[in-house]
C-alpha cells in the first residue's frame, strides 16, 4: 500500500469566518491557509498544532450541508482541563463519559457539526 496518511477532510460550514474563529480561537487550531479561490470560494485550512491531518472549512459542497458532519474525533491528553477551558469560552459541552478504551465528551461547532473530544487510555499489553 502506498497511502501514507490522511491529508485533510472537509467540514461543511455556513460561514467560513465564524468557523475559522471557532476552530482557531476556541479550539486552538492553527490557521494553515486562507486563500480566495474565486468570487464565491475560499480555501481555508485549519489544523491542530503539529498534526498531520488538517480540516478544510467548506461552503461549496451541495451534498454536504453545513452541520451535517458527525463524529469528528479529537484527541487530548487532558480531557478534564480541556472541557473546563472550553466551557469557560462559552462552548456548550456535554458531561464526560467513560468507556473501557478511555473517556470522551461531545459538543457541536457553531454549525452543528458533531465533535467528540477524547482521551484514550494507554494500555500496557
PDB file of N, CA and C in Angstrom:
ATOM      1  N   UNK A   1       0.845  -1.184   0.000  1.00  0.00           N
ATOM      2  CA  UNK A   1       0.000   0.000   0.000  1.00  0.00           C
ATOM      3  C   UNK A   1       0.887   1.242   0.000  1.00  0.00           C
ATOM      4  N   UNK A   2       0.534   2.227  -0.798  1.00  0.00           N
ATOM      5  CA  UNK A   2       1.338   3.439  -0.899  1.00  0.00           C
ATOM      6  C   UNK A   2       0.715   4.643  -0.198  1.00  0.00           C
ATOM      7  N   UNK A   3      -0.502   4.490   0.339  1.00  0.00           N
ATOM      8  CA  UNK A   3      -1.133   5.593   1.072  1.00  0.00           C
ATOM      9  C   UNK A   3      -0.403   5.753   2.399  1.00  0.00           C
ATOM     10  N   UNK A   4      -0.010   6.983   2.714  1.00  0.00           N
ATOM     11  CA  UNK A   4       0.803   7.206   3.915  1.00  0.00           C
ATOM     12  C   UNK A   4       0.084   7.928   5.038  1.00  0.00           C
ATOM     13  N   UNK A   5      -0.943   8.721   4.735  1.00  0.00           N
ATOM     14  CA  UNK A   5      -1.663   9.422   5.794  1.00  0.00           C
ATOM     15  C   UNK A   5      -2.922  10.065   5.234  1.00  0.00           C
ATOM     16  N   UNK A   6      -3.769  10.544   6.126  1.00  0.00           N
ATOM     17  CA  UNK A   6      -4.928  11.340   5.733  1.00  0.00           C
ATOM     18  C   UNK A   6      -4.474  12.788   5.736  1.00  0.00           C
ATOM     19  N   UNK A   7      -4.494  13.434   4.582  1.00  0.00           N
ATOM     20  CA  UNK A   7      -4.014  14.802   4.467  1.00  0.00           C
ATOM     21  C   UNK A   7      -5.029  15.788   5.027  1.00  0.00           C
ATOM     22  N   UNK A   8      -6.283  15.674   4.596  1.00  0.00           N
ATOM     23  CA  UNK A   8      -7.315  16.591   5.066  1.00  0.00           C
ATOM     24  C   UNK A   8      -8.677  15.977   4.860  1.00  0.00           C
ATOM     25  N   UNK A   9      -9.651  16.543   5.520  1.00  0.00           N
ATOM     26  CA  UNK A   9     -11.027  16.234   5.196  1.00  0.00           C
ATOM     27  C   UNK A   9     -11.848  17.490   5.399  1.00  0.00           C
ATOM     28  N   UNK A  10     -13.018  17.504   4.790  1.00  0.00           N
ATOM     29  CA  UNK A  10     -13.832  18.707   4.722  1.00  0.00           C
ATOM     30  C   UNK A  10     -14.880  18.743   5.817  1.00  0.00           C
ATOM     31  N   UNK A  11     -15.015  19.928   6.421  1.00  0.00           N
ATOM     32  CA  UNK A  11     -16.044  20.190   7.421  1.00  0.00           C
ATOM     33  C   UNK A  11     -17.002  21.213   6.807  1.00  0.00           C
ATOM     34  N   UNK A  12     -18.279  20.834   6.615  1.00  0.00           N
ATOM     35  CA  UNK A  12     -19.222  21.746   5.970  1.00  0.00           C
ATOM     36  C   UNK A  12     -19.719  22.816   6.944  1.00  0.00           C
ATOM     37  N   UNK A  13     -19.523  24.070   6.563  1.00  0.00           N
ATOM     38  CA  UNK A  13     -19.904  25.203   7.410  1.00  0.00           C
ATOM     39  C   UNK A  13     -20.717  26.207   6.599  1.00  0.00           C
ATOM     40  N   UNK A  14     -21.439  27.065   7.287  1.00  0.00           N
ATOM     41  CA  UNK A  14     -22.228  28.091   6.593  1.00  0.00           C
ATOM     42  C   UNK A  14     -21.476  29.407   6.484  1.00  0.00           C
ATOM     43  N   UNK A  15     -20.546  29.651   7.388  1.00  0.00           N
ATOM     44  CA  UNK A  15     -19.805  30.909   7.424  1.00  0.00           C
ATOM     45  C   UNK A  15     -18.349  30.584   7.750  1.00  0.00           C
ATOM     46  N   UNK A  16     -17.469  30.728   6.779  1.00  0.00           N
ATOM     47  CA  UNK A  16     -16.073  30.336   6.982  1.00  0.00           C
ATOM     48  C   UNK A  16     -15.375  31.189   8.038  1.00  0.00           C
ATOM     49  N   UNK A  17     -15.690  32.465   8.126  1.00  0.00           N
ATOM     50  CA  UNK A  17     -15.056  33.313   9.131  1.00  0.00           C
ATOM     51  C   UNK A  17     -15.456  32.886  10.545  1.00  0.00           C
ATOM     52  N   UNK A  18     -16.737  32.620  10.742  1.00  0.00           N
ATOM     53  CA  UNK A  18     -17.216  32.159  12.052  1.00  0.00           C
ATOM     54  C   UNK A  18     -16.595  30.803  12.396  1.00  0.00           C
ATOM     55  N   UNK A  19     -16.542  29.908  11.417  1.00  0.00           N
ATOM     56  CA  UNK A  19     -15.943  28.594  11.639  1.00  0.00           C
ATOM     57  C   UNK A  19     -14.458  28.724  11.963  1.00  0.00           C
ATOM     58  N   UNK A  20     -13.746  29.580  11.217  1.00  0.00           N
ATOM     59  CA  UNK A  20     -12.323  29.808  11.491  1.00  0.00           C
ATOM     60  C   UNK A  20     -12.131  30.308  12.921  1.00  0.00           C
ATOM     61  N   UNK A  21     -12.944  31.262  13.330  1.00  0.00           N
ATOM     62  CA  UNK A  21     -12.827  31.786  14.691  1.00  0.00           C
ATOM     63  C   UNK A  21     -13.021  30.686  15.727  1.00  0.00           C
ATOM     64  N   UNK A  22     -13.980  29.784  15.501  1.00  0.00           N
ATOM     65  CA  UNK A  22     -14.223  28.697  16.443  1.00  0.00           C
ATOM     66  C   UNK A  22     -13.052  27.716  16.478  1.00  0.00           C
ATOM     67  N   UNK A  23     -12.640  27.251  15.301  1.00  0.00           N
ATOM     68  CA  UNK A  23     -11.583  26.240  15.267  1.00  0.00           C
ATOM     69  C   UNK A  23     -10.221  26.810  15.685  1.00  0.00           C
ATOM     70  N   UNK A  24      -9.952  28.064  15.370  1.00  0.00           N
ATOM     71  CA  UNK A  24      -8.654  28.668  15.711  1.00  0.00           C
ATOM     72  C   UNK A  24      -8.688  29.274  17.110  1.00  0.00           C
ATOM     73  N   UNK A  25      -9.620  30.184  17.359  1.00  0.00           N
ATOM     74  CA  UNK A  25      -9.625  30.906  18.633  1.00  0.00           C
ATOM     75  C   UNK A  25     -10.155  30.077  19.800  1.00  0.00           C
ATOM     76  N   UNK A  26     -11.138  29.221  19.547  1.00  0.00           N
ATOM     77  CA  UNK A  26     -11.738  28.439  20.628  1.00  0.00           C
ATOM     78  C   UNK A  26     -11.031  27.097  20.812  1.00  0.00           C
ATOM     79  N   UNK A  27     -10.893  26.327  19.727  1.00  0.00           N
ATOM     80  CA  UNK A  27     -10.264  25.011  19.857  1.00  0.00           C
ATOM     81  C   UNK A  27      -8.743  25.080  19.877  1.00  0.00           C
ATOM     82  N   UNK A  28      -8.160  26.155  19.375  1.00  0.00           N
ATOM     83  CA  UNK A  28      -6.706  26.294  19.408  1.00  0.00           C
ATOM     84  C   UNK A  28      -5.984  25.749  18.193  1.00  0.00           C
ATOM     85  N   UNK A  29      -6.708  25.513  17.100  1.00  0.00           N
ATOM     86  CA  UNK A  29      -6.078  25.047  15.871  1.00  0.00           C
ATOM     87  C   UNK A  29      -5.248  26.176  15.255  1.00  0.00           C
ATOM     88  N   UNK A  30      -4.320  25.802  14.384  1.00  0.00           N
ATOM     89  CA  UNK A  30      -3.568  26.769  13.597  1.00  0.00           C
ATOM     90  C   UNK A  30      -4.317  27.047  12.297  1.00  0.00           C
ATOM     91  N   UNK A  31      -4.295  28.293  11.844  1.00  0.00           N
ATOM     92  CA  UNK A  31      -4.794  28.626  10.517  1.00  0.00           C
ATOM     93  C   UNK A  31      -3.653  28.353   9.549  1.00  0.00           C
ATOM     94  N   UNK A  32      -3.792  27.312   8.749  1.00  0.00           N
ATOM     95  CA  UNK A  32      -2.743  26.878   7.835  1.00  0.00           C
ATOM     96  C   UNK A  32      -2.803  27.646   6.520  1.00  0.00           C
ATOM     97  N   UNK A  33      -4.027  27.897   6.035  1.00  0.00           N
ATOM     98  CA  UNK A  33      -4.182  28.540   4.743  1.00  0.00           C
ATOM     99  C   UNK A  33      -5.544  29.211   4.672  1.00  0.00           C
ATOM    100  N   UNK A  34      -5.599  30.372   4.072  1.00  0.00           N
ATOM    101  CA  UNK A  34      -6.855  31.067   3.798  1.00  0.00           C
ATOM    102  C   UNK A  34      -6.648  31.837   2.499  1.00  0.00           C
ATOM    103  N   UNK A  35      -7.074  31.227   1.395  1.00  0.00           N
ATOM    104  CA  UNK A  35      -6.810  31.769   0.070  1.00  0.00           C
ATOM    105  C   UNK A  35      -8.115  31.885  -0.703  1.00  0.00           C
ATOM    106  N   UNK A  36      -8.350  33.030  -1.313  1.00  0.00           N
ATOM    107  CA  UNK A  36      -9.517  33.215  -2.167  1.00  0.00           C
ATOM    108  C   UNK A  36      -9.304  32.411  -3.448  1.00  0.00           C
ATOM    109  N   UNK A  37     -10.269  31.565  -3.796  1.00  0.00           N
ATOM    110  CA  UNK A  37     -10.151  30.696  -4.968  1.00  0.00           C
ATOM    111  C   UNK A  37     -11.127  31.091  -6.065  1.00  0.00           C
ATOM    112  N   UNK A  38     -11.681  32.251  -5.974  1.00  0.00           N
ATOM    113  CA  UNK A  38     -12.670  32.732  -6.921  1.00  0.00           C
ATOM    114  C   UNK A  38     -13.652  33.598  -6.165  1.00  0.00           C
ATOM    115  N   UNK A  39     -14.671  34.112  -6.847  1.00  0.00           N
ATOM    116  CA  UNK A  39     -15.576  35.042  -6.180  1.00  0.00           C
ATOM    117  C   UNK A  39     -16.381  34.425  -5.033  1.00  0.00           C
ATOM    118  N   UNK A  40     -16.662  33.150  -5.094  1.00  0.00           N
ATOM    119  CA  UNK A  40     -17.513  32.521  -4.080  1.00  0.00           C
ATOM    120  C   UNK A  40     -16.848  31.348  -3.365  1.00  0.00           C
ATOM    121  N   UNK A  41     -15.527  31.288  -3.385  1.00  0.00           N
ATOM    122  CA  UNK A  41     -14.867  30.119  -2.814  1.00  0.00           C
ATOM    123  C   UNK A  41     -13.533  30.503  -2.190  1.00  0.00           C
ATOM    124  N   UNK A  42     -13.366  30.095  -0.924  1.00  0.00           N
ATOM    125  CA  UNK A  42     -12.092  30.269  -0.232  1.00  0.00           C
ATOM    126  C   UNK A  42     -11.572  28.906   0.189  1.00  0.00           C
ATOM    127  N   UNK A  43     -10.279  28.727   0.100  1.00  0.00           N
ATOM    128  CA  UNK A  43      -9.610  27.514   0.570  1.00  0.00           C
ATOM    129  C   UNK A  43      -9.091  27.842   1.965  1.00  0.00           C
ATOM    130  N   UNK A  44      -9.836  27.386   2.989  1.00  0.00           N
ATOM    131  CA  UNK A  44      -9.487  27.671   4.367  1.00  0.00           C
ATOM    132  C   UNK A  44      -9.145  26.362   5.061  1.00  0.00           C
ATOM    133  N   UNK A  45      -7.920  26.276   5.516  1.00  0.00           N
ATOM    134  CA  UNK A  45      -7.386  25.054   6.102  1.00  0.00           C
ATOM    135  C   UNK A  45      -6.947  25.330   7.533  1.00  0.00           C
ATOM    136  N   UNK A  46      -7.414  24.504   8.477  1.00  0.00           N
ATOM    137  CA  UNK A  46      -7.011  24.611   9.877  1.00  0.00           C
ATOM    138  C   UNK A  46      -6.517  23.255  10.347  1.00  0.00           C
ATOM    139  N   UNK A  47      -5.671  23.274  11.376  1.00  0.00           N
ATOM    140  CA  UNK A  47      -5.082  22.028  11.848  1.00  0.00           C
ATOM    141  C   UNK A  47      -4.679  22.165  13.309  1.00  0.00           C
ATOM    142  N   UNK A  48      -4.831  21.082  14.103  1.00  0.00           N
ATOM    143  CA  UNK A  48      -4.261  21.119  15.443  1.00  0.00           C
ATOM    144  C   UNK A  48      -2.745  21.316  15.332  1.00  0.00           C
ATOM    145  N   UNK A  49      -2.145  22.054  16.247  1.00  0.00           N
ATOM    146  CA  UNK A  49      -0.696  22.268  16.171  1.00  0.00           C
ATOM    147  C   UNK A  49       0.065  20.942  16.070  1.00  0.00           C
ATOM    148  N   UNK A  50       0.919  20.828  15.075  1.00  0.00           N
ATOM    149  CA  UNK A  50       1.758  19.654  14.904  1.00  0.00           C
ATOM    150  C   UNK A  50       1.092  18.449  14.276  1.00  0.00           C
ATOM    151  N   UNK A  51      -0.183  18.541  13.937  1.00  0.00           N
ATOM    152  CA  UNK A  51      -0.903  17.387  13.378  1.00  0.00           C
ATOM    153  C   UNK A  51      -0.588  17.200  11.902  1.00  0.00           C
ATOM    154  N   UNK A  52      -0.693  15.954  11.425  1.00  0.00           N
ATOM    155  CA  UNK A  52      -0.536  15.655  10.000  1.00  0.00           C
ATOM    156  C   UNK A  52      -1.798  15.968   9.223  1.00  0.00           C
ATOM    157  N   UNK A  53      -2.948  15.768   9.837  1.00  0.00           N
ATOM    158  CA  UNK A  53      -4.221  15.922   9.149  1.00  0.00           C
ATOM    159  C   UNK A  53      -4.805  17.302   9.427  1.00  0.00           C
ATOM    160  N   UNK A  54      -5.334  17.931   8.384  1.00  0.00           N
ATOM    161  CA  UNK A  54      -5.956  19.244   8.504  1.00  0.00           C
ATOM    162  C   UNK A  54      -7.438  19.155   8.137  1.00  0.00           C
ATOM    163  N   UNK A  55      -8.179  20.182   8.495  1.00  0.00           N
ATOM    164  CA  UNK A  55      -9.583  20.312   8.134  1.00  0.00           C
ATOM    165  C   UNK A  55      -9.712  21.463   7.153  1.00  0.00           C
ATOM    166  N   UNK A  56     -10.470  21.274   6.108  1.00  0.00           N
ATOM    167  CA  UNK A  56     -10.807  22.386   5.249  1.00  0.00           C
ATOM    168  C   UNK A  56     -12.255  22.761   5.551  1.00  0.00           C
ATOM    169  N   UNK A  57     -12.472  24.032   5.831  1.00  0.00           N
ATOM    170  CA  UNK A  57     -13.795  24.538   6.201  1.00  0.00           C
ATOM    171  C   UNK A  57     -14.485  24.971   4.922  1.00  0.00           C
ATOM    172  N   UNK A  58     -15.480  24.190   4.476  1.00  0.00           N
ATOM    173  CA  UNK A  58     -16.049  24.354   3.139  1.00  0.00           C
ATOM    174  C   UNK A  58     -17.489  24.837   3.171  1.00  0.00           C
ATOM    175  N   UNK A  59     -17.838  25.601   2.148  1.00  0.00           N
ATOM    176  CA  UNK A  59     -19.215  26.072   1.973  1.00  0.00           C
ATOM    177  C   UNK A  59     -19.783  25.656   0.623  1.00  0.00           C
ATOM    178  N   UNK A  60     -18.972  25.049  -0.212  1.00  0.00           N
ATOM    179  CA  UNK A  60     -19.352  24.872  -1.623  1.00  0.00           C
ATOM    180  C   UNK A  60     -19.802  23.479  -2.023  1.00  0.00           C
ATOM    181  N   UNK A  61     -19.896  22.529  -1.126  1.00  0.00           N
ATOM    182  CA  UNK A  61     -20.359  21.188  -1.494  1.00  0.00           C
ATOM    183  C   UNK A  61     -21.860  21.072  -1.238  1.00  0.00           C
ATOM    184  N   UNK A  62     -22.645  21.040  -2.299  1.00  0.00           N
ATOM    185  CA  UNK A  62     -24.090  20.927  -2.156  1.00  0.00           C
ATOM    186  C   UNK A  62     -24.540  19.668  -1.453  1.00  0.00           C
ATOM    187  N   UNK A  63     -23.756  18.611  -1.543  1.00  0.00           N
ATOM    188  CA  UNK A  63     -24.121  17.343  -0.907  1.00  0.00           C
ATOM    189  C   UNK A  63     -23.681  17.289   0.550  1.00  0.00           C
ATOM    190  N   UNK A  64     -23.023  18.341   1.021  1.00  0.00           N
ATOM    191  CA  UNK A  64     -22.561  18.400   2.411  1.00  0.00           C
ATOM    192  C   UNK A  64     -23.093  19.687   3.044  1.00  0.00           C
ATOM    193  N   UNK A  65     -24.358  19.696   3.481  1.00  0.00           N
ATOM    194  CA  UNK A  65     -24.876  20.916   4.083  1.00  0.00           C
ATOM    195  C   UNK A  65     -24.175  21.212   5.406  1.00  0.00           C
ATOM    196  N   UNK A  66     -24.088  22.493   5.730  1.00  0.00           N
ATOM    197  CA  UNK A  66     -23.467  22.912   6.990  1.00  0.00           C
ATOM    198  C   UNK A  66     -24.098  22.154   8.153  1.00  0.00           C
ATOM    199  N   UNK A  67     -23.245  21.649   9.036  1.00  0.00           N
ATOM    200  CA  UNK A  67     -23.721  20.932  10.211  1.00  0.00           C
ATOM    201  C   UNK A  67     -23.964  19.454  10.010  1.00  0.00           C
ATOM    202  N   UNK A  68     -23.698  18.924   8.828  1.00  0.00           N
ATOM    203  CA  UNK A  68     -24.016  17.522   8.549  1.00  0.00           C
ATOM    204  C   UNK A  68     -22.920  16.535   8.968  1.00  0.00           C
ATOM    205  N   UNK A  69     -21.760  17.036   9.361  1.00  0.00           N
ATOM    206  CA  UNK A  69     -20.673  16.145   9.774  1.00  0.00           C
ATOM    207  C   UNK A  69     -20.884  15.713  11.227  1.00  0.00           C
ATOM    208  N   UNK A  70     -20.807  14.435  11.474  1.00  0.00           N
ATOM    209  CA  UNK A  70     -20.918  13.903  12.837  1.00  0.00           C
ATOM    210  C   UNK A  70     -19.748  12.959  13.064  1.00  0.00           C
ATOM    211  N   UNK A  71     -19.188  13.000  14.242  1.00  0.00           N
ATOM    212  CA  UNK A  71     -18.139  12.051  14.575  1.00  0.00           C
ATOM    213  C   UNK A  71     -16.726  12.525  14.315  1.00  0.00           C
ATOM    214  N   UNK A  72     -16.500  13.822  14.240  1.00  0.00           N
ATOM    215  CA  UNK A  72     -15.129  14.326  14.176  1.00  0.00           C
ATOM    216  C   UNK A  72     -14.521  14.078  15.546  1.00  0.00           C
ATOM    217  N   UNK A  73     -13.494  13.254  15.622  1.00  0.00           N
ATOM    218  CA  UNK A  73     -12.902  12.864  16.900  1.00  0.00           C
ATOM    219  C   UNK A  73     -11.550  13.550  17.068  1.00  0.00           C
ATOM    220  N   UNK A  74     -11.425  14.285  18.166  1.00  0.00           N
ATOM    221  CA  UNK A  74     -10.185  14.982  18.507  1.00  0.00           C
ATOM    222  C   UNK A  74      -9.620  14.354  19.777  1.00  0.00           C
ATOM    223  N   UNK A  75      -8.329  14.173  19.823  1.00  0.00           N
ATOM    224  CA  UNK A  75      -7.649  13.551  20.967  1.00  0.00           C
ATOM    225  C   UNK A  75      -7.019  14.625  21.847  1.00  0.00           C
ATOM    226  N   UNK A  76      -7.074  14.424  23.156  1.00  0.00           N
ATOM    227  CA  UNK A  76      -6.427  15.307  24.121  1.00  0.00           C
ATOM    228  C   UNK A  76      -5.773  14.475  25.210  1.00  0.00           C
ATOM    229  N   UNK A  77      -4.734  15.029  25.822  1.00  0.00           N
ATOM    230  CA  UNK A  77      -4.117  14.338  26.956  1.00  0.00           C
ATOM    231  C   UNK A  77      -4.584  14.932  28.283  1.00  0.00           C
ATOM    232  N   UNK A  78      -5.522  15.887  28.252  1.00  0.00           N
ATOM    233  CA  UNK A  78      -6.091  16.478  29.462  1.00  0.00           C
ATOM    234  C   UNK A  78      -7.565  16.779  29.222  1.00  0.00           C
ATOM    235  N   UNK A  79      -8.379  15.746  29.243  1.00  0.00           N
ATOM    236  CA  UNK A  79      -9.792  15.890  28.920  1.00  0.00           C
ATOM    237  C   UNK A  79     -10.490  16.830  29.898  1.00  0.00           C
ATOM    238  N   UNK A  80     -10.296  16.635  31.184  1.00  0.00           N
ATOM    239  CA  UNK A  80     -10.951  17.487  32.175  1.00  0.00           C
ATOM    240  C   UNK A  80     -10.562  18.942  32.030  1.00  0.00           C
ATOM    241  N   UNK A  81      -9.285  19.201  31.850  1.00  0.00           N
ATOM    242  CA  UNK A  81      -8.809  20.570  31.685  1.00  0.00           C
ATOM    243  C   UNK A  81      -9.337  21.212  30.418  1.00  0.00           C
ATOM    244  N   UNK A  82      -9.398  20.441  29.344  1.00  0.00           N
ATOM    245  CA  UNK A  82      -9.885  20.972  28.076  1.00  0.00           C
ATOM    246  C   UNK A  82     -11.384  21.259  28.141  1.00  0.00           C
ATOM    247  N   UNK A  83     -12.132  20.393  28.793  1.00  0.00           N
ATOM    248  CA  UNK A  83     -13.570  20.618  28.963  1.00  0.00           C
ATOM    249  C   UNK A  83     -13.794  21.906  29.766  1.00  0.00           C
ATOM    250  N   UNK A  84     -13.058  22.071  30.830  1.00  0.00           N
ATOM    251  CA  UNK A  84     -13.176  23.282  31.656  1.00  0.00           C
ATOM    252  C   UNK A  84     -12.816  24.528  30.840  1.00  0.00           C
ATOM    253  N   UNK A  85     -11.756  24.456  30.057  1.00  0.00           N
ATOM    254  CA  UNK A  85     -11.330  25.588  29.225  1.00  0.00           C
ATOM    255  C   UNK A  85     -12.393  25.940  28.203  1.00  0.00           C
ATOM    256  N   UNK A  86     -12.949  24.919  27.519  1.00  0.00           N
ATOM    257  CA  UNK A  86     -13.971  25.168  26.501  1.00  0.00           C
ATOM    258  C   UNK A  86     -15.247  25.733  27.120  1.00  0.00           C
ATOM    259  N   UNK A  87     -15.654  25.210  28.255  1.00  0.00           N
ATOM    260  CA  UNK A  87     -16.833  25.770  28.935  1.00  0.00           C
ATOM    261  C   UNK A  87     -16.593  27.224  29.303  1.00  0.00           C
ATOM    262  N   UNK A  88     -15.391  27.548  29.737  1.00  0.00           N
ATOM    263  CA  UNK A  88     -15.038  28.925  30.060  1.00  0.00           C
ATOM    264  C   UNK A  88     -15.111  29.855  28.864  1.00  0.00           C
ATOM    265  N   UNK A  89     -14.971  29.286  27.674  1.00  0.00           N
ATOM    266  CA  UNK A  89     -15.077  30.071  26.433  1.00  0.00           C
ATOM    267  C   UNK A  89     -16.499  30.079  25.880  1.00  0.00           C
ATOM    268  N   UNK A  90     -17.430  29.487  26.629  1.00  0.00           N
ATOM    269  CA  UNK A  90     -18.832  29.513  26.237  1.00  0.00           C
ATOM    270  C   UNK A  90     -19.308  28.365  25.379  1.00  0.00           C
ATOM    271  N   UNK A  91     -18.490  27.322  25.217  1.00  0.00           N
ATOM    272  CA  UNK A  91     -18.910  26.169  24.420  1.00  0.00           C
ATOM    273  C   UNK A  91     -19.878  25.322  25.247  1.00  0.00           C
ATOM    274  N   UNK A  92     -21.019  25.009  24.666  1.00  0.00           N
ATOM    275  CA  UNK A  92     -21.979  24.118  25.302  1.00  0.00           C
ATOM    276  C   UNK A  92     -21.484  22.691  25.084  1.00  0.00           C
ATOM    277  N   UNK A  93     -21.076  22.055  26.164  1.00  0.00           N
ATOM    278  CA  UNK A  93     -20.402  20.764  26.054  1.00  0.00           C
ATOM    279  C   UNK A  93     -21.030  19.787  27.048  1.00  0.00           C
ATOM    280  N   UNK A  94     -21.143  18.534  26.648  1.00  0.00           N
ATOM    281  CA  UNK A  94     -21.768  17.520  27.490  1.00  0.00           C
ATOM    282  C   UNK A  94     -20.895  17.138  28.677  1.00  0.00           C
ATOM    283  N   UNK A  95     -21.345  16.135  29.381  1.00  0.00           N
ATOM    284  CA  UNK A  95     -20.594  15.603  30.516  1.00  0.00           C
ATOM    285  C   UNK A  95     -19.618  14.541  30.028  1.00  0.00           C
ATOM    286  N   UNK A  96     -18.516  14.409  30.722  1.00  0.00           N
ATOM    287  CA  UNK A  96     -17.516  13.393  30.380  1.00  0.00           C
ATOM    288  C   UNK A  96     -18.109  12.010  30.606  1.00  0.00           C
ATOM    289  N   UNK A  97     -17.950  11.168  29.612  1.00  0.00           N
ATOM    290  CA  UNK A  97     -18.389   9.775  29.695  1.00  0.00           C
ATOM    291  C   UNK A  97     -17.161   8.880  29.692  1.00  0.00           C
ATOM    292  N   UNK A  98     -17.295   7.718  30.326  1.00  0.00           N
ATOM    293  CA  UNK A  98     -16.163   6.794  30.443  1.00  0.00           C
ATOM    294  C   UNK A  98     -16.488   5.490  29.712  1.00  0.00           C
ATOM    295  N   UNK A  99     -15.490   4.938  29.064  1.00  0.00           N
ATOM    296  CA  UNK A  99     -15.602   3.680  28.332  1.00  0.00           C
ATOM    297  C   UNK A  99     -14.344   2.869  28.619  1.00  0.00           C
ATOM    298  N   UNK A 100     -14.348   1.586  28.292  1.00  0.00           N
ATOM    299  CA  UNK A 100     -13.154   0.764  28.547  1.00  0.00           C
ATOM    300  C   UNK A 100     -11.895   1.282  27.856  1.00  0.00           C
ATOM    301  N   UNK A 101     -12.036   1.976  26.742  1.00  0.00           N
ATOM    302  CA  UNK A 101     -10.893   2.466  25.966  1.00  0.00           C
ATOM    303  C   UNK A 101     -10.437   3.855  26.374  1.00  0.00           C
ATOM    304  N   UNK A 102     -11.225   4.558  27.216  1.00  0.00           N
ATOM    305  CA  UNK A 102     -10.863   5.910  27.625  1.00  0.00           C
ATOM    306  C   UNK A 102     -12.086   6.717  28.005  1.00  0.00           C
ATOM    307  N   UNK A 103     -11.984   8.031  27.922  1.00  0.00           N
ATOM    308  CA  UNK A 103     -13.079   8.933  28.280  1.00  0.00           C
ATOM    309  C   UNK A 103     -13.313   9.909  27.133  1.00  0.00           C
ATOM    310  N   UNK A 104     -14.545  10.441  27.069  1.00  0.00           N
ATOM    311  CA  UNK A 104     -14.876  11.342  25.974  1.00  0.00           C
ATOM    312  C   UNK A 104     -16.013  12.265  26.374  1.00  0.00           C
ATOM    313  N   UNK A 105     -16.161  13.317  25.591  1.00  0.00           N
ATOM    314  CA  UNK A 105     -17.249  14.274  25.751  1.00  0.00           C
ATOM    315  C   UNK A 105     -17.658  14.730  24.355  1.00  0.00           C
ATOM    316  N   UNK A 106     -18.913  15.127  24.201  1.00  0.00           N
ATOM    317  CA  UNK A 106     -19.400  15.532  22.889  1.00  0.00           C
ATOM    318  C   UNK A 106     -19.880  16.982  22.911  1.00  0.00           C
ATOM    319  N   UNK A 107     -19.694  17.655  21.780  1.00  0.00           N
ATOM    320  CA  UNK A 107     -20.188  19.009  21.602  1.00  0.00           C
ATOM    321  C   UNK A 107     -20.283  19.292  20.109  1.00  0.00           C
ATOM    322  N   UNK A 108     -20.846  20.437  19.770  1.00  0.00           N
ATOM    323  CA  UNK A 108     -21.017  20.829  18.369  1.00  0.00           C
ATOM    324  C   UNK A 108     -20.241  22.100  18.073  1.00  0.00           C
ATOM    325  N   UNK A 109     -19.838  22.254  16.819  1.00  0.00           N
ATOM    326  CA  UNK A 109     -19.284  23.534  16.378  1.00  0.00           C
ATOM    327  C   UNK A 109     -20.461  24.480  16.118  1.00  0.00           C
ATOM    328  N   UNK A 110     -20.226  25.733  15.759  1.00  0.00           N
ATOM    329  CA  UNK A 110     -21.337  26.681  15.582  1.00  0.00           C
ATOM    330  C   UNK A 110     -22.378  26.278  14.540  1.00  0.00           C
ATOM    331  N   UNK A 111     -22.030  25.403  13.601  1.00  0.00           N
ATOM    332  CA  UNK A 111     -22.989  24.951  12.594  1.00  0.00           C
ATOM    333  C   UNK A 111     -23.709  23.667  12.984  1.00  0.00           C
ATOM    334  N   UNK A 112     -23.313  23.050  14.085  1.00  0.00           N
ATOM    335  CA  UNK A 112     -23.927  21.792  14.489  1.00  0.00           C
ATOM    336  C   UNK A 112     -23.166  20.556  14.069  1.00  0.00           C
ATOM    337  N   UNK A 113     -21.964  20.718  13.523  1.00  0.00           N
ATOM    338  CA  UNK A 113     -21.124  19.551  13.242  1.00  0.00           C
ATOM    339  C   UNK A 113     -20.736  18.924  14.573  1.00  0.00           C
ATOM    340  N   UNK A 114     -20.920  17.614  14.690  1.00  0.00           N
ATOM    341  CA  UNK A 114     -20.690  16.918  15.950  1.00  0.00           C
ATOM    342  C   UNK A 114     -19.233  16.567  16.169  1.00  0.00           C
ATOM    343  N   UNK A 115     -18.720  16.963  17.326  1.00  0.00           N
ATOM    344  CA  UNK A 115     -17.319  16.726  17.680  1.00  0.00           C
ATOM    345  C   UNK A 115     -17.253  15.871  18.934  1.00  0.00           C
ATOM    346  N   UNK A 116     -16.342  14.926  18.941  1.00  0.00           N
ATOM    347  CA  UNK A 116     -16.041  14.112  20.114  1.00  0.00           C
ATOM    348  C   UNK A 116     -14.627  14.461  20.545  1.00  0.00           C
ATOM    349  N   UNK A 117     -14.484  14.866  21.794  1.00  0.00           N
ATOM    350  CA  UNK A 117     -13.165  15.118  22.364  1.00  0.00           C
ATOM    351  C   UNK A 117     -12.877  13.952  23.290  1.00  0.00           C
ATOM    352  N   UNK A 118     -11.761  13.275  23.065  1.00  0.00           N
ATOM    353  CA  UNK A 118     -11.495  12.063  23.840  1.00  0.00           C
ATOM    354  C   UNK A 118     -10.069  12.022  24.369  1.00  0.00           C
ATOM    355  N   UNK A 119      -9.932  11.237  25.428  1.00  0.00           N
ATOM    356  CA  UNK A 119      -8.618  10.899  25.969  1.00  0.00           C
ATOM    357  C   UNK A 119      -8.552   9.382  25.988  1.00  0.00           C
ATOM    358  N   UNK A 120      -7.753   8.824  25.111  1.00  0.00           N
ATOM    359  CA  UNK A 120      -7.643   7.376  25.001  1.00  0.00           C
ATOM    360  C   UNK A 120      -6.759   6.862  26.130  1.00  0.00           C
ATOM    361  N   UNK A 121      -7.254   5.831  26.795  1.00  0.00           N
ATOM    362  CA  UNK A 121      -6.484   5.224  27.886  1.00  0.00           C
ATOM    363  C   UNK A 121      -5.310   4.453  27.308  1.00  0.00           C
ATOM    364  N   UNK A 122      -4.180   4.614  27.919  1.00  0.00           N
ATOM    365  CA  UNK A 122      -2.997   3.866  27.484  1.00  0.00           C
ATOM    366  C   UNK A 122      -3.027   2.498  28.123  1.00  0.00           C
ATOM    367  N   UNK A 123      -2.732   1.489  27.328  1.00  0.00           N
ATOM    368  CA  UNK A 123      -2.681   0.129  27.857  1.00  0.00           C
ATOM    369  C   UNK A 123      -1.249  -0.370  27.779  1.00  0.00           C
ATOM    370  N   UNK A 124      -0.925  -1.277  28.664  1.00  0.00           N
ATOM    371  CA  UNK A 124       0.435  -1.825  28.672  1.00  0.00           C
ATOM    372  C   UNK A 124       0.374  -3.320  28.423  1.00  0.00           C
ATOM    373  N   UNK A 125      -0.020  -3.686  27.211  1.00  0.00           N
ATOM    374  CA  UNK A 125      -0.131  -5.112  26.836  1.00  0.00           C
ATOM    375  C   UNK A 125       1.221  -5.704  26.553  1.00  0.00           C
TER     376      UNK A 125
END
